[in-house]
Structures are given as C-alpha cells and as structure tokens.
Amino acid sequence: MWSFGCIIAELFLGLPLFPGTSEFNQLTRIVDMLGMPPNWMIEMGKSSMNFFNLQQQTHQQQQQQQLTQDGKIVNSYSLKSLAQYSQEHHTNEKPGKDYFHHKRLPDIIMSYELPQSLRRYHASSHSISSNSNSSSNSPSKSPSKSPSSISSTPTTTPAPVPAPTTSRIQQSQLEKEMHNRKCLVHFLQGVLNMNPLERWTPQEACMHPFVTDQVFDEVNGWNPPGTRYGLSGSGSGSGGSGTGTGSGNGVGASGGGDVGMTGVTGGDRRGRSRSYGDVSGLLGGSGSGSGSGR
C-alpha cells in the first residue's frame, strides 16, 4: 500500500514523491513530508540510532515527562542533522535537491499547478481583484487636459472580462478541483501512514471516496467502515528477530522484544498475516509473527 500511495502521488505530480539519493536522504524526505515515525518503530528498529537522536532532557523535563498507561517513560527522538550523520558515518552526505516548493504533503498537493483552463481563470480573477483594489486606492483627481490633447491621445481597449455565466462555471470547476485535491490528500495520508498497523489495507482503500467517486466530507473526513484499531500482544526475541501473537478489534498486531521493523506483522480483519517493509526497511531488522483480527 505504501508503494501504491507513492505511485498515485507521482501520477498526479509527475515527479517521484521521495527521490532519495541515500538511506539518510530518503528518510529525511519522508520525515519532512509526513512527520516522525511512531516511537515504537524507532525503538524496535536495530538501525534506528544511525538516523535518530534520543533527545537529552533536563531533570525538570524528566519529571514532567509524559508516562504511558503502563507507567513507562515516553522518549523523544529527533532526526540527525546532515553534518552529524556525515561525521558519524565518515561520509560526505549531500543535501537533496528540492523538487517541490513546499515540504508537507497537503501543501504540495494543494499548491500544484492548476489545469490550463482553470489557470487562466484563476489568474484573470486575481488580476481583476488586484486592479479593483489599486483603482480604489488611487487618487480620484487627475490633471485637466485640453480638447486637443484629448483628441490626440490614443484610446486603449480594456481587457475583456469573462461573461458572468462563464465565470460561474469556471468558479464551480475551480472549487471542484480543490475539493478533489483535498480528497486526494486524505487518501494519500491513509495509504502513506508510516504506522503499518494503522495504514489502510487494499480492501479499506477501495472504499475511499477518491476511488468510489462518492461525496467526500471535508469537515469530518473519512474512515474505513467498522475500523477499530486495537493493539495487544506479547512475545520475546532478540537480535532483530522474535515471535508473538496479538489481536485487536479491526487489526491484530504482533511482534517480539527486539523484532526488526521489516518483521513486524499483523493480521487483517480476515485473520491473515501480512508483513510490512517501507520506512521500516530503513530502520532495519527482520522477524516473524502472526496476528489475528476480530
């Protein structure tokens, strides 16, 4: 599903979403666009500390640090800088080329250039608006001219203003275009969720309004019908491998103690086991497991 989301975005943008030149560059692009991975993914990946720093905290911050329901301390991580990564790994890591004007996925999609017909309307509407504002702010008085100077002055034809009916149609098309883009953003955020246990399955993604062409509710968004993500499990393991079982309402998850991210598995609502390899592949590790869902 991760690969599918990348392909959909590339079809819309005409460019790869994460054109990484190295593991660090690839992970940097993903974090810049989608945010940080969940803590449990970083803590379970055996290669995570090659890319992330555990935030150093003062004594006061440690006292105020949030605790989980199990009473465990919630750590805070940050992506290493380009200079730190290059120094630690004895490499000359170069900053990646910026292919987009924005960093975050919603901004990239929403600001992408409009179709040519809507682009002309969008530009003309902004031009008319700016001209009206400038004319209203300009002084009303003008120097008087003699009749001879008026007759000798060449006349200019004003720019044609779109007919009201055409303007309404184009305005409606523009609003529909932006609405469809919001629907696309929501769809991509579901299939490009870095948490593999919350990422939509093919069956769930097929029900999204972006695929079914149903009405998309911009206010309340959309969730797969009947989805309730519950995680529970136990297991043991070391050295990047482990086994475990888990179950949840909607998605079952499993994983052993030090299971590498590539080996995290979960059962979908039909009880089948599946494995994930995307961001998790960069963090390293392997493992096995089984899951069941209710």
Foldseek 3Di string as FASTA:
>chain_A
DQVVLQVVVCVLQVDGQQPAPDLQSSVVLCCQAQNDADPVQLQLQPQNVLFKDFDDDDPVCQVVFDADPVRHGDTDMDTDDQVVSCVVVVHNDDHDDDPAPGRYPLVRLLPRDDPPVLNVLVVVVVVVVVVVVVVVPDDPDDDDDDPVVVVPDDDDDDDDDDDPVVNVVSVVVVVVVSQLSLLSSLLSCQQNPSPVLRRDDPVQSCPRCNNVVDDADSPPGDDRPQADRDEDKEWADDDQEIEIEFEDAAKTWYDHDNHQQQATWIAGAVQAIDGDDDNSVSSDGHYHYGYGYD
